[in-house]
């Protein structure tokens, strides 16, 4: 039986803090192709149990040494790694990840969550590039993310709207989506976060404002 209590993000997601992540890359191979942009938007909960977007964290990332830059991928995203403007704001991969991880660790601690869980549209693509970057930069102990579990808005969209393409699903959900801004990690992350919150807030599939203690789940194992 569920205990009525003040809703918290930790209890709603079994101790996880959902963090929407989007990456822009120079190809599809997480091991060989450059990670060029990353954006993260933590999902938080108000006192009424409604989800909302926290402050975004993002970085333009310098390609790692020896990284492959697939011309077709760069044309698709519109990213020019050699642009002087981009070079002026881009960060080293290790420094960027650890800056973002430090902020997320502080946030999960603040909200009494044990780990972050990656939320993404076709989330395993983003997680694959994130995990490859974590391995390259020896940042495993710095990462707040679960190594393999995700929440995928493509699957949630199929359930809620019968569609899986982000732009189309956002329109179906009544969310503005400007295709001219698509393939910017920050824009796509914010739109994915908006969609995630809308699905959970409007189609919760759980009794309103009722949660349970995730620690009891932990005692029973993963």
N, C-alpha and C. Protein backbone atom coordinates (compact mmCIF):
# COMPACT_ATOMS: atom_id res chain seq x y z
N UNK A 1 0.85 -1.20 0.00
CA UNK A 1 0.00 0.00 0.00
C UNK A 1 0.88 1.25 0.00
N UNK A 2 0.56 2.24 -0.83
CA UNK A 2 1.34 3.45 -0.91
C UNK A 2 1.05 4.36 0.27
N UNK A 3 2.12 4.97 0.80
CA UNK A 3 1.97 5.94 1.87
C UNK A 3 1.81 7.33 1.25
N UNK A 4 0.80 8.07 1.72
CA UNK A 4 0.65 9.43 1.24
C UNK A 4 1.70 10.30 1.91
N UNK A 5 2.40 11.07 1.11
CA UNK A 5 3.45 11.92 1.62
C UNK A 5 3.72 13.00 0.58
N UNK A 6 4.51 13.97 0.99
CA UNK A 6 4.89 15.03 0.06
C UNK A 6 5.65 14.41 -1.11
N UNK A 7 5.23 14.70 -2.34
CA UNK A 7 5.90 14.08 -3.48
C UNK A 7 7.32 14.61 -3.65
N UNK A 8 8.23 13.72 -3.99
CA UNK A 8 9.61 14.11 -4.26
C UNK A 8 10.06 13.41 -5.54
N UNK A 9 11.03 14.01 -6.18
CA UNK A 9 11.55 13.42 -7.41
C UNK A 9 12.22 12.08 -7.11
N UNK A 10 12.85 11.94 -5.95
CA UNK A 10 13.51 10.68 -5.59
C UNK A 10 12.50 9.55 -5.47
N UNK A 11 11.38 9.82 -4.79
CA UNK A 11 10.38 8.77 -4.62
C UNK A 11 9.64 8.47 -5.92
N UNK A 12 9.48 9.48 -6.77
CA UNK A 12 8.76 9.24 -8.03
C UNK A 12 9.54 8.33 -8.96
N UNK A 13 10.87 8.43 -8.93
CA UNK A 13 11.69 7.65 -9.86
C UNK A 13 12.66 6.71 -9.14
N UNK A 14 12.21 6.18 -8.01
CA UNK A 14 12.95 5.13 -7.30
C UNK A 14 14.40 5.51 -7.00
N UNK A 15 14.57 6.74 -6.56
CA UNK A 15 15.89 7.20 -6.17
C UNK A 15 16.71 7.81 -7.28
N UNK A 16 16.17 7.82 -8.49
CA UNK A 16 16.88 8.41 -9.61
C UNK A 16 16.47 9.86 -9.82
N UNK A 17 17.42 10.67 -10.25
CA UNK A 17 17.14 12.01 -10.73
C UNK A 17 17.18 11.97 -12.25
N UNK A 18 16.04 12.15 -12.92
CA UNK A 18 16.06 12.14 -14.39
C UNK A 18 16.81 13.36 -14.93
N UNK A 19 17.69 13.12 -15.87
CA UNK A 19 18.42 14.20 -16.52
C UNK A 19 18.32 13.99 -18.03
N UNK A 20 17.67 14.92 -18.70
CA UNK A 20 17.54 14.82 -20.16
C UNK A 20 18.88 15.20 -20.79
N UNK A 21 19.35 14.35 -21.69
CA UNK A 21 20.66 14.56 -22.32
C UNK A 21 20.51 14.47 -23.83
N UNK A 22 21.17 15.37 -24.53
CA UNK A 22 21.28 15.26 -25.98
C UNK A 22 22.71 15.55 -26.37
N UNK A 23 23.23 14.77 -27.31
CA UNK A 23 24.57 15.00 -27.82
C UNK A 23 24.50 15.26 -29.32
N UNK A 24 25.41 16.08 -29.80
CA UNK A 24 25.63 16.26 -31.23
C UNK A 24 27.02 15.72 -31.52
N UNK A 25 27.13 14.92 -32.57
CA UNK A 25 28.34 14.17 -32.81
C UNK A 25 28.78 14.29 -34.27
N UNK A 26 29.98 13.80 -34.54
CA UNK A 26 30.52 13.82 -35.90
C UNK A 26 30.40 12.45 -36.55
N UNK A 27 29.36 11.73 -36.21
CA UNK A 27 29.13 10.40 -36.78
C UNK A 27 28.32 9.56 -35.83
N UNK A 28 28.24 8.25 -36.13
CA UNK A 28 27.41 7.33 -35.36
C UNK A 28 28.21 6.37 -34.49
N UNK A 29 29.52 6.36 -34.63
CA UNK A 29 30.36 5.43 -33.88
C UNK A 29 30.89 6.14 -32.64
N UNK A 30 30.39 5.72 -31.48
CA UNK A 30 30.74 6.40 -30.23
C UNK A 30 32.22 6.26 -29.89
N UNK A 31 32.85 5.22 -30.36
CA UNK A 31 34.27 4.98 -30.05
C UNK A 31 35.20 5.84 -30.89
N UNK A 32 34.82 6.10 -32.16
CA UNK A 32 35.74 6.75 -33.08
C UNK A 32 35.34 8.17 -33.47
N UNK A 33 34.06 8.49 -33.39
CA UNK A 33 33.58 9.78 -33.88
C UNK A 33 33.49 10.80 -32.75
N UNK A 34 33.77 12.06 -33.09
CA UNK A 34 33.87 13.11 -32.08
C UNK A 34 32.53 13.43 -31.44
N UNK A 35 32.57 13.69 -30.15
CA UNK A 35 31.46 14.30 -29.41
C UNK A 35 31.66 15.80 -29.50
N UNK A 36 30.70 16.52 -30.10
CA UNK A 36 30.87 17.94 -30.38
C UNK A 36 30.06 18.85 -29.45
N UNK A 37 28.91 18.40 -29.02
CA UNK A 37 28.08 19.17 -28.09
C UNK A 37 27.40 18.21 -27.13
N UNK A 38 27.19 18.69 -25.92
CA UNK A 38 26.37 17.95 -24.96
C UNK A 38 25.54 18.96 -24.17
N UNK A 39 24.30 18.61 -23.92
CA UNK A 39 23.43 19.44 -23.09
C UNK A 39 22.66 18.54 -22.13
N UNK A 40 22.48 19.02 -20.92
CA UNK A 40 21.77 18.26 -19.88
C UNK A 40 20.74 19.18 -19.22
N UNK A 41 19.53 18.67 -19.05
CA UNK A 41 18.49 19.40 -18.33
C UNK A 41 17.94 18.49 -17.24
N UNK A 42 18.21 18.78 -15.97
CA UNK A 42 17.65 17.97 -14.89
C UNK A 42 16.15 18.19 -14.79
N UNK A 43 15.45 17.13 -14.41
CA UNK A 43 13.99 17.19 -14.20
C UNK A 43 13.72 17.23 -12.71
N UNK A 44 12.97 18.24 -12.28
CA UNK A 44 12.68 18.43 -10.87
C UNK A 44 11.18 18.34 -10.64
N UNK A 45 10.75 18.40 -9.38
CA UNK A 45 9.34 18.24 -9.02
C UNK A 45 8.93 19.31 -8.03
N UNK A 46 7.77 19.93 -8.26
CA UNK A 46 7.28 20.93 -7.32
C UNK A 46 6.45 20.26 -6.21
N UNK A 47 5.94 21.08 -5.29
CA UNK A 47 5.22 20.54 -4.13
C UNK A 47 3.89 19.88 -4.51
N UNK A 48 3.40 20.17 -5.72
CA UNK A 48 2.15 19.54 -6.19
C UNK A 48 2.43 18.25 -6.96
N UNK A 49 3.69 17.87 -7.04
CA UNK A 49 4.03 16.63 -7.73
C UNK A 49 4.17 16.79 -9.23
N UNK A 50 4.26 18.01 -9.72
CA UNK A 50 4.42 18.26 -11.15
C UNK A 50 5.90 18.38 -11.51
N UNK A 51 6.27 17.76 -12.62
CA UNK A 51 7.65 17.84 -13.09
C UNK A 51 7.88 19.15 -13.83
N UNK A 52 9.11 19.65 -13.72
CA UNK A 52 9.49 20.85 -14.47
C UNK A 52 10.99 20.80 -14.76
N UNK A 53 11.43 21.63 -15.70
CA UNK A 53 12.83 21.64 -16.10
C UNK A 53 13.67 22.46 -15.12
N UNK A 54 14.83 21.89 -14.74
CA UNK A 54 15.80 22.65 -13.99
C UNK A 54 16.69 23.45 -14.93
N UNK A 55 17.73 24.07 -14.38
CA UNK A 55 18.63 24.89 -15.18
C UNK A 55 19.48 24.00 -16.08
N UNK A 56 19.58 24.37 -17.37
CA UNK A 56 20.37 23.53 -18.29
C UNK A 56 21.87 23.68 -18.07
N UNK A 57 22.57 22.63 -18.43
CA UNK A 57 24.04 22.61 -18.44
C UNK A 57 24.46 22.16 -19.82
N UNK A 58 25.37 22.88 -20.44
CA UNK A 58 25.75 22.48 -21.79
C UNK A 58 27.18 22.86 -22.10
N UNK A 59 27.73 22.27 -23.15
CA UNK A 59 29.10 22.54 -23.54
C UNK A 59 29.29 22.27 -25.02
N UNK A 60 30.07 23.13 -25.67
CA UNK A 60 30.63 22.84 -26.99
C UNK A 60 31.99 22.21 -26.74
N UNK A 61 32.24 21.08 -27.35
CA UNK A 61 33.40 20.27 -27.00
C UNK A 61 34.39 20.17 -28.16
N UNK A 62 35.65 20.33 -27.84
CA UNK A 62 36.71 20.15 -28.82
C UNK A 62 36.83 18.67 -29.17
N UNK A 63 36.92 18.31 -30.44
CA UNK A 63 37.10 16.90 -30.81
C UNK A 63 38.34 16.32 -30.14
N UNK A 64 38.21 15.11 -29.63
CA UNK A 64 39.37 14.48 -28.99
C UNK A 64 40.44 14.16 -30.03
N UNK A 65 41.65 14.00 -29.59
CA UNK A 65 42.77 13.75 -30.50
C UNK A 65 42.53 12.45 -31.27
N UNK A 66 42.61 12.54 -32.59
CA UNK A 66 42.40 11.37 -33.44
C UNK A 66 40.95 11.09 -33.76
N UNK A 67 40.03 11.97 -33.34
CA UNK A 67 38.61 11.74 -33.57
C UNK A 67 38.28 11.81 -35.05
N UNK A 68 37.35 10.96 -35.47
CA UNK A 68 36.83 11.00 -36.84
C UNK A 68 35.76 12.07 -36.94
N UNK A 69 35.82 12.85 -38.03
CA UNK A 69 34.82 13.89 -38.30
C UNK A 69 34.17 13.55 -39.62
N UNK A 70 33.01 12.91 -39.55
CA UNK A 70 32.34 12.44 -40.75
C UNK A 70 31.67 13.62 -41.46
N UNK A 71 32.06 13.92 -42.70
CA UNK A 71 31.50 15.10 -43.39
C UNK A 71 29.98 15.09 -43.46
N UNK A 72 29.38 13.94 -43.70
CA UNK A 72 27.91 13.88 -43.80
C UNK A 72 27.26 14.25 -42.47
N UNK A 73 27.86 13.83 -41.36
CA UNK A 73 27.31 14.15 -40.04
C UNK A 73 27.43 15.64 -39.75
N UNK A 74 28.55 16.24 -40.12
CA UNK A 74 28.74 17.67 -39.90
C UNK A 74 27.76 18.49 -40.74
N UNK A 75 27.51 18.03 -41.96
CA UNK A 75 26.54 18.71 -42.83
C UNK A 75 25.14 18.61 -42.23
N UNK A 76 24.82 17.47 -41.66
CA UNK A 76 23.50 17.25 -41.08
C UNK A 76 23.28 18.15 -39.87
N UNK A 77 24.28 18.26 -38.99
CA UNK A 77 24.13 19.06 -37.78
C UNK A 77 24.39 20.54 -38.02
N UNK A 78 25.13 20.85 -39.09
CA UNK A 78 25.50 22.24 -39.34
C UNK A 78 26.62 22.74 -38.46
N UNK A 79 27.33 21.84 -37.79
CA UNK A 79 28.43 22.21 -36.90
C UNK A 79 29.73 22.27 -37.69
N UNK A 80 30.45 23.36 -37.54
CA UNK A 80 31.78 23.49 -38.14
C UNK A 80 32.81 23.52 -37.01
N UNK A 81 33.51 22.40 -36.78
CA UNK A 81 34.48 22.36 -35.68
C UNK A 81 35.60 23.37 -35.80
N UNK A 82 35.85 23.88 -37.02
CA UNK A 82 36.93 24.83 -37.23
C UNK A 82 36.48 26.29 -37.18
N UNK A 83 35.22 26.52 -36.89
CA UNK A 83 34.72 27.88 -36.80
C UNK A 83 35.43 28.64 -35.67
N UNK A 84 35.95 29.84 -35.94
CA UNK A 84 36.62 30.61 -34.89
C UNK A 84 35.69 30.93 -33.72
N UNK A 85 34.41 31.16 -34.03
CA UNK A 85 33.45 31.44 -32.95
C UNK A 85 33.30 30.22 -32.05
N UNK A 86 33.19 29.05 -32.68
CA UNK A 86 33.05 27.82 -31.89
C UNK A 86 34.32 27.54 -31.09
N UNK A 87 35.46 27.73 -31.71
CA UNK A 87 36.73 27.47 -31.01
C UNK A 87 36.89 28.37 -29.79
N UNK A 88 36.32 29.56 -29.87
CA UNK A 88 36.44 30.50 -28.75
C UNK A 88 35.65 30.05 -27.52
N UNK A 89 34.60 29.25 -27.72
CA UNK A 89 33.76 28.84 -26.59
C UNK A 89 33.85 27.35 -26.27
N UNK A 90 34.52 26.57 -27.12
CA UNK A 90 34.56 25.12 -26.90
C UNK A 90 35.50 24.78 -25.75
N UNK A 91 35.22 23.63 -25.13
CA UNK A 91 35.99 23.18 -23.98
C UNK A 91 36.63 21.83 -24.27
N UNK A 92 37.70 21.55 -23.54
CA UNK A 92 38.27 20.22 -23.56
C UNK A 92 37.24 19.22 -23.06
N UNK A 93 37.19 18.04 -23.68
CA UNK A 93 36.16 17.04 -23.36
C UNK A 93 36.16 16.69 -21.87
N UNK A 94 37.30 16.44 -21.31
CA UNK A 94 37.41 16.06 -19.90
C UNK A 94 36.91 17.18 -18.99
N UNK A 95 37.36 18.41 -19.27
CA UNK A 95 36.96 19.54 -18.43
C UNK A 95 35.45 19.78 -18.52
N UNK A 96 34.89 19.66 -19.72
CA UNK A 96 33.46 19.89 -19.89
C UNK A 96 32.63 18.86 -19.14
N UNK A 97 33.00 17.59 -19.31
CA UNK A 97 32.23 16.54 -18.64
C UNK A 97 32.31 16.67 -17.13
N UNK A 98 33.50 16.92 -16.62
CA UNK A 98 33.63 16.97 -15.16
C UNK A 98 32.94 18.20 -14.57
N UNK A 99 32.90 19.30 -15.31
CA UNK A 99 32.15 20.48 -14.86
C UNK A 99 30.66 20.14 -14.77
N UNK A 100 30.13 19.51 -15.78
CA UNK A 100 28.71 19.16 -15.81
C UNK A 100 28.41 18.10 -14.74
N UNK A 101 29.27 17.10 -14.62
CA UNK A 101 29.05 16.04 -13.62
C UNK A 101 29.05 16.60 -12.20
N UNK A 102 29.95 17.53 -11.93
CA UNK A 102 30.02 18.12 -10.59
C UNK A 102 28.71 18.82 -10.23
N UNK A 103 28.16 19.56 -11.19
CA UNK A 103 26.90 20.26 -10.95
C UNK A 103 25.75 19.28 -10.75
N UNK A 104 25.72 18.21 -11.53
CA UNK A 104 24.65 17.22 -11.41
C UNK A 104 24.76 16.45 -10.10
N UNK A 105 25.97 16.16 -9.67
CA UNK A 105 26.14 15.46 -8.39
C UNK A 105 25.62 16.31 -7.23
N UNK A 106 25.88 17.59 -7.28
CA UNK A 106 25.38 18.48 -6.23
C UNK A 106 23.85 18.52 -6.24
N UNK A 107 23.27 18.50 -7.43
CA UNK A 107 21.81 18.56 -7.56
C UNK A 107 21.16 17.27 -7.07
N UNK A 108 21.72 16.14 -7.42
CA UNK A 108 21.13 14.87 -6.97
C UNK A 108 21.24 14.73 -5.45
N UNK A 109 22.33 15.23 -4.89
CA UNK A 109 22.47 15.21 -3.43
C UNK A 109 21.43 16.11 -2.79
N UNK A 110 21.23 17.29 -3.38
CA UNK A 110 20.24 18.23 -2.85
C UNK A 110 18.84 17.61 -2.82
N UNK A 111 18.54 16.81 -3.83
CA UNK A 111 17.20 16.21 -3.92
C UNK A 111 17.18 14.76 -3.41
N UNK A 112 18.22 14.37 -2.70
CA UNK A 112 18.31 13.08 -2.02
C UNK A 112 18.13 11.91 -2.98
N UNK A 113 18.69 12.03 -4.17
CA UNK A 113 18.69 10.95 -5.15
C UNK A 113 20.03 10.23 -5.11
N UNK A 114 20.02 8.95 -5.42
CA UNK A 114 21.25 8.17 -5.36
C UNK A 114 22.03 8.19 -6.67
N UNK A 115 21.34 8.40 -7.80
CA UNK A 115 21.99 8.44 -9.09
C UNK A 115 21.15 9.27 -10.04
N UNK A 116 21.80 9.73 -11.12
CA UNK A 116 21.06 10.31 -12.23
C UNK A 116 20.75 9.20 -13.23
N UNK A 117 19.62 9.33 -13.91
CA UNK A 117 19.28 8.41 -14.99
C UNK A 117 19.10 9.24 -16.26
N UNK A 118 19.73 8.81 -17.33
CA UNK A 118 19.69 9.56 -18.58
C UNK A 118 18.33 9.42 -19.23
N UNK A 119 17.75 10.55 -19.57
CA UNK A 119 16.53 10.62 -20.36
C UNK A 119 16.91 11.13 -21.74
N UNK A 120 16.45 10.46 -22.78
CA UNK A 120 16.80 10.92 -24.12
C UNK A 120 15.80 10.43 -25.14
N UNK A 121 15.85 11.04 -26.31
CA UNK A 121 15.02 10.59 -27.42
C UNK A 121 15.88 9.65 -28.25
N UNK A 122 15.56 8.34 -28.18
CA UNK A 122 16.48 7.28 -28.63
C UNK A 122 17.73 7.33 -27.75
N UNK A 123 17.46 7.12 -26.47
CA UNK A 123 18.40 7.46 -25.40
C UNK A 123 19.71 6.68 -25.44
N UNK A 124 19.70 5.46 -25.96
CA UNK A 124 20.93 4.68 -25.94
C UNK A 124 21.99 5.24 -26.87
N UNK A 125 21.59 6.00 -27.88
CA UNK A 125 22.57 6.70 -28.72
C UNK A 125 23.34 7.70 -27.87
N UNK A 126 22.61 8.52 -27.12
CA UNK A 126 23.25 9.53 -26.27
C UNK A 126 24.08 8.88 -25.17
N UNK A 127 23.54 7.82 -24.56
CA UNK A 127 24.28 7.14 -23.51
C UNK A 127 25.55 6.51 -24.05
N UNK A 128 25.50 5.96 -25.27
CA UNK A 128 26.69 5.35 -25.86
C UNK A 128 27.82 6.36 -26.02
N UNK A 129 27.50 7.55 -26.52
CA UNK A 129 28.52 8.59 -26.67
C UNK A 129 28.99 9.11 -25.32
N UNK A 130 28.07 9.23 -24.37
CA UNK A 130 28.45 9.68 -23.04
C UNK A 130 29.39 8.68 -22.39
N UNK A 131 29.05 7.40 -22.45
CA UNK A 131 29.90 6.38 -21.84
C UNK A 131 31.27 6.30 -22.51
N UNK A 132 31.31 6.48 -23.82
CA UNK A 132 32.60 6.46 -24.52
C UNK A 132 33.47 7.64 -24.08
N UNK A 133 32.85 8.81 -23.91
CA UNK A 133 33.60 9.98 -23.45
C UNK A 133 34.06 9.80 -22.00
N UNK A 134 33.22 9.19 -21.18
CA UNK A 134 33.60 8.90 -19.80
C UNK A 134 34.82 7.99 -19.77
N UNK A 135 34.83 6.98 -20.62
CA UNK A 135 35.97 6.06 -20.68
C UNK A 135 37.23 6.78 -21.18
N UNK A 136 37.09 7.59 -22.23
CA UNK A 136 38.25 8.30 -22.78
C UNK A 136 38.90 9.23 -21.77
N UNK A 137 38.06 9.87 -20.95
CA UNK A 137 38.56 10.89 -20.02
C UNK A 137 38.77 10.36 -18.61
N UNK A 138 38.65 9.04 -18.44
CA UNK A 138 38.85 8.42 -17.13
C UNK A 138 37.96 9.08 -16.07
N UNK A 139 36.68 9.26 -16.43
CA UNK A 139 35.76 9.99 -15.56
C UNK A 139 34.68 9.12 -14.93
N UNK A 140 34.89 7.82 -14.89
CA UNK A 140 33.87 6.92 -14.36
C UNK A 140 33.48 7.28 -12.93
N UNK A 141 34.47 7.58 -12.10
CA UNK A 141 34.17 7.90 -10.71
C UNK A 141 33.57 9.28 -10.53
N UNK A 142 33.59 10.08 -11.58
CA UNK A 142 33.01 11.42 -11.53
C UNK A 142 31.57 11.44 -12.04
N UNK A 143 31.20 10.43 -12.80
CA UNK A 143 29.89 10.44 -13.44
C UNK A 143 28.77 10.12 -12.45
N UNK A 144 27.69 10.89 -12.46
CA UNK A 144 26.55 10.59 -11.60
C UNK A 144 25.54 9.66 -12.26
N UNK A 145 25.78 9.30 -13.54
CA UNK A 145 24.77 8.56 -14.30
C UNK A 145 24.85 7.05 -14.10
N UNK A 146 23.67 6.42 -14.13
CA UNK A 146 23.61 4.97 -14.21
C UNK A 146 24.24 4.54 -15.53
N UNK A 147 25.01 3.46 -15.50
CA UNK A 147 25.82 3.09 -16.66
C UNK A 147 25.02 2.54 -17.82
N UNK A 148 23.81 2.00 -17.56
CA UNK A 148 23.06 1.40 -18.67
C UNK A 148 21.56 1.65 -18.66
N UNK A 149 20.99 2.04 -17.55
CA UNK A 149 19.55 2.30 -17.51
C UNK A 149 19.22 3.67 -18.09
N UNK A 150 18.12 3.75 -18.82
CA UNK A 150 17.67 5.01 -19.41
C UNK A 150 16.15 5.11 -19.33
N UNK A 151 15.65 6.31 -19.55
CA UNK A 151 14.23 6.55 -19.81
C UNK A 151 14.16 7.17 -21.20
N UNK A 152 13.43 6.53 -22.11
CA UNK A 152 13.47 6.91 -23.52
C UNK A 152 12.17 7.59 -23.93
N UNK A 153 12.26 8.84 -24.34
CA UNK A 153 11.05 9.56 -24.73
C UNK A 153 10.50 9.09 -26.08
N UNK A 154 11.30 8.41 -26.87
CA UNK A 154 10.74 7.83 -28.10
C UNK A 154 9.71 6.76 -27.75
N UNK A 155 10.04 5.91 -26.78
CA UNK A 155 9.10 4.89 -26.32
C UNK A 155 7.90 5.52 -25.63
N UNK A 156 8.14 6.52 -24.79
CA UNK A 156 7.04 7.19 -24.11
C UNK A 156 6.12 7.88 -25.11
N UNK A 157 6.72 8.45 -26.16
CA UNK A 157 5.92 9.11 -27.20
C UNK A 157 5.06 8.12 -27.96
N UNK A 158 5.61 6.94 -28.22
CA UNK A 158 4.82 5.90 -28.89
C UNK A 158 3.61 5.52 -28.04
N UNK A 159 3.81 5.45 -26.74
CA UNK A 159 2.72 5.12 -25.83
C UNK A 159 1.69 6.25 -25.75
N UNK A 160 2.17 7.48 -25.63
CA UNK A 160 1.27 8.61 -25.38
C UNK A 160 0.64 9.18 -26.64
N UNK A 161 1.40 9.17 -27.77
CA UNK A 161 0.93 9.86 -28.96
C UNK A 161 0.94 9.00 -30.22
N UNK A 162 1.46 7.79 -30.12
CA UNK A 162 1.48 6.93 -31.29
C UNK A 162 2.49 7.36 -32.33
N UNK A 163 3.51 8.12 -31.92
CA UNK A 163 4.54 8.58 -32.85
C UNK A 163 5.87 8.58 -32.12
N UNK A 164 6.97 8.55 -32.88
CA UNK A 164 8.28 8.46 -32.23
C UNK A 164 9.27 9.53 -32.66
N UNK A 165 8.97 10.31 -33.71
CA UNK A 165 9.88 11.36 -34.14
C UNK A 165 9.70 12.58 -33.24
N UNK A 166 10.80 13.12 -32.73
CA UNK A 166 10.72 14.18 -31.72
C UNK A 166 9.93 15.38 -32.22
N UNK A 167 10.29 15.91 -33.37
CA UNK A 167 9.64 17.13 -33.87
C UNK A 167 8.14 16.91 -34.04
N UNK A 168 7.77 15.80 -34.65
CA UNK A 168 6.36 15.50 -34.90
C UNK A 168 5.61 15.28 -33.59
N UNK A 169 6.22 14.57 -32.66
CA UNK A 169 5.57 14.30 -31.39
C UNK A 169 5.36 15.58 -30.60
N UNK A 170 6.34 16.48 -30.62
CA UNK A 170 6.19 17.76 -29.93
C UNK A 170 4.98 18.52 -30.48
N UNK A 171 4.84 18.56 -31.79
CA UNK A 171 3.71 19.25 -32.40
C UNK A 171 2.40 18.60 -31.97
N UNK A 172 2.36 17.27 -31.96
CA UNK A 172 1.16 16.56 -31.52
C UNK A 172 0.82 16.86 -30.07
N UNK A 173 1.86 17.11 -29.28
CA UNK A 173 1.67 17.39 -27.86
C UNK A 173 1.38 18.86 -27.58
N UNK A 174 1.36 19.68 -28.64
CA UNK A 174 1.10 21.10 -28.45
C UNK A 174 2.32 21.88 -28.04
N UNK A 175 3.51 21.34 -28.32
CA UNK A 175 4.77 22.00 -27.98
C UNK A 175 5.36 22.60 -29.25
N UNK A 176 5.70 23.88 -29.21
CA UNK A 176 6.33 24.52 -30.37
C UNK A 176 7.67 23.85 -30.67
N UNK A 177 7.92 23.61 -31.96
CA UNK A 177 9.21 23.03 -32.35
C UNK A 177 9.66 23.71 -33.63
N UNK A 178 10.80 24.39 -33.56
CA UNK A 178 11.35 25.12 -34.69
C UNK A 178 12.46 24.28 -35.32
N UNK A 179 12.20 23.74 -36.50
CA UNK A 179 13.19 22.87 -37.15
C UNK A 179 14.49 23.59 -37.47
N UNK A 180 14.46 24.92 -37.56
CA UNK A 180 15.69 25.65 -37.83
C UNK A 180 16.65 25.62 -36.65
N UNK A 181 16.12 25.29 -35.46
CA UNK A 181 16.97 25.17 -34.27
C UNK A 181 17.29 23.72 -33.93
N UNK A 182 16.70 22.78 -34.65
CA UNK A 182 16.96 21.37 -34.38
C UNK A 182 18.43 21.05 -34.62
N UNK A 183 18.90 20.02 -33.96
CA UNK A 183 20.30 19.57 -34.03
C UNK A 183 21.25 20.54 -33.34
N UNK A 184 20.68 21.39 -32.49
CA UNK A 184 21.44 22.06 -31.44
C UNK A 184 21.18 21.25 -30.18
N UNK A 185 22.25 20.82 -29.52
CA UNK A 185 22.07 19.94 -28.35
C UNK A 185 21.18 20.60 -27.30
N UNK A 186 21.40 21.88 -27.05
CA UNK A 186 20.62 22.56 -26.01
C UNK A 186 19.15 22.65 -26.40
N UNK A 187 18.86 23.03 -27.64
CA UNK A 187 17.46 23.15 -28.07
C UNK A 187 16.76 21.80 -28.01
N UNK A 188 17.38 20.77 -28.57
CA UNK A 188 16.76 19.44 -28.58
C UNK A 188 16.55 18.92 -27.16
N UNK A 189 17.49 19.21 -26.27
CA UNK A 189 17.36 18.76 -24.88
C UNK A 189 16.20 19.45 -24.20
N UNK A 190 16.07 20.74 -24.39
CA UNK A 190 14.98 21.47 -23.76
C UNK A 190 13.62 21.02 -24.29
N UNK A 191 13.52 20.74 -25.58
CA UNK A 191 12.27 20.26 -26.14
C UNK A 191 11.95 18.85 -25.66
N UNK A 192 12.97 18.01 -25.57
CA UNK A 192 12.77 16.66 -25.05
C UNK A 192 12.33 16.71 -23.59
N UNK A 193 12.93 17.61 -22.83
CA UNK A 193 12.55 17.77 -21.42
C UNK A 193 11.11 18.26 -21.30
N UNK A 194 10.72 19.18 -22.16
CA UNK A 194 9.35 19.68 -22.15
C UNK A 194 8.35 18.56 -22.46
N UNK A 195 8.71 17.73 -23.43
CA UNK A 195 7.86 16.60 -23.79
C UNK A 195 7.78 15.59 -22.65
N UNK A 196 8.91 15.27 -22.05
CA UNK A 196 8.95 14.33 -20.93
C UNK A 196 8.05 14.80 -19.79
N UNK A 197 8.17 16.09 -19.43
CA UNK A 197 7.36 16.63 -18.34
C UNK A 197 5.87 16.59 -18.70
N UNK A 198 5.55 16.91 -19.93
CA UNK A 198 4.14 16.92 -20.35
C UNK A 198 3.53 15.53 -20.25
N UNK A 199 4.28 14.52 -20.71
CA UNK A 199 3.76 13.15 -20.66
C UNK A 199 3.52 12.73 -19.21
N UNK A 200 4.47 12.98 -18.35
CA UNK A 200 4.33 12.55 -16.95
C UNK A 200 3.32 13.38 -16.19
N UNK A 201 3.21 14.66 -16.52
CA UNK A 201 2.26 15.52 -15.80
C UNK A 201 0.82 15.31 -16.24
N UNK A 202 0.61 15.03 -17.54
CA UNK A 202 -0.75 14.93 -18.06
C UNK A 202 -1.24 13.49 -18.19
N UNK A 203 -0.31 12.54 -18.29
CA UNK A 203 -0.68 11.13 -18.41
C UNK A 203 0.10 10.32 -17.39
N UNK A 204 -0.06 10.59 -16.11
CA UNK A 204 0.84 10.02 -15.12
C UNK A 204 0.72 8.52 -14.92
N UNK A 205 -0.48 7.94 -15.17
CA UNK A 205 -0.72 6.51 -15.00
C UNK A 205 -0.45 6.03 -13.57
N UNK A 206 -0.40 6.96 -12.64
CA UNK A 206 -0.29 6.64 -11.22
C UNK A 206 -1.27 7.53 -10.46
N UNK A 207 -1.77 7.10 -9.32
CA UNK A 207 -2.66 7.96 -8.54
C UNK A 207 -1.97 9.28 -8.22
N UNK A 208 -2.69 10.38 -8.36
CA UNK A 208 -2.10 11.71 -8.18
C UNK A 208 -1.51 11.87 -6.79
N UNK A 209 -0.31 12.44 -6.77
CA UNK A 209 0.38 12.84 -5.54
C UNK A 209 0.63 11.68 -4.59
N UNK A 210 0.65 10.45 -5.09
CA UNK A 210 0.98 9.32 -4.23
C UNK A 210 2.29 8.70 -4.72
N UNK A 211 3.22 8.58 -3.80
CA UNK A 211 4.51 7.98 -4.10
C UNK A 211 4.83 6.98 -3.00
N UNK A 212 5.93 6.27 -3.16
CA UNK A 212 6.34 5.37 -2.10
C UNK A 212 7.84 5.48 -1.90
N UNK A 213 8.31 4.95 -0.83
CA UNK A 213 9.71 5.07 -0.45
C UNK A 213 10.56 4.14 -1.31
N UNK A 214 11.45 4.72 -2.13
CA UNK A 214 12.26 3.89 -3.02
C UNK A 214 13.22 3.01 -2.25
N UNK A 215 13.51 3.35 -0.98
CA UNK A 215 14.46 2.54 -0.21
C UNK A 215 13.93 1.13 -0.01
N UNK A 216 12.63 0.98 0.06
CA UNK A 216 12.08 -0.37 0.19
C UNK A 216 12.34 -1.20 -1.05
N UNK A 217 12.36 -0.55 -2.22
CA UNK A 217 12.70 -1.23 -3.46
C UNK A 217 14.15 -1.68 -3.44
N UNK A 218 15.03 -0.81 -2.93
CA UNK A 218 16.45 -1.13 -2.89
C UNK A 218 16.72 -2.35 -2.04
N UNK A 219 15.94 -2.53 -0.99
CA UNK A 219 16.13 -3.68 -0.11
C UNK A 219 15.79 -4.99 -0.82
N UNK A 220 14.95 -4.89 -1.88
CA UNK A 220 14.57 -6.05 -2.63
C UNK A 220 15.47 -6.28 -3.85
N UNK A 221 16.49 -5.41 -4.03
CA UNK A 221 17.41 -5.57 -5.16
C UNK A 221 16.98 -4.75 -6.34
N UNK A 222 17.90 -4.63 -7.32
CA UNK A 222 17.64 -3.84 -8.53
C UNK A 222 16.52 -4.47 -9.35
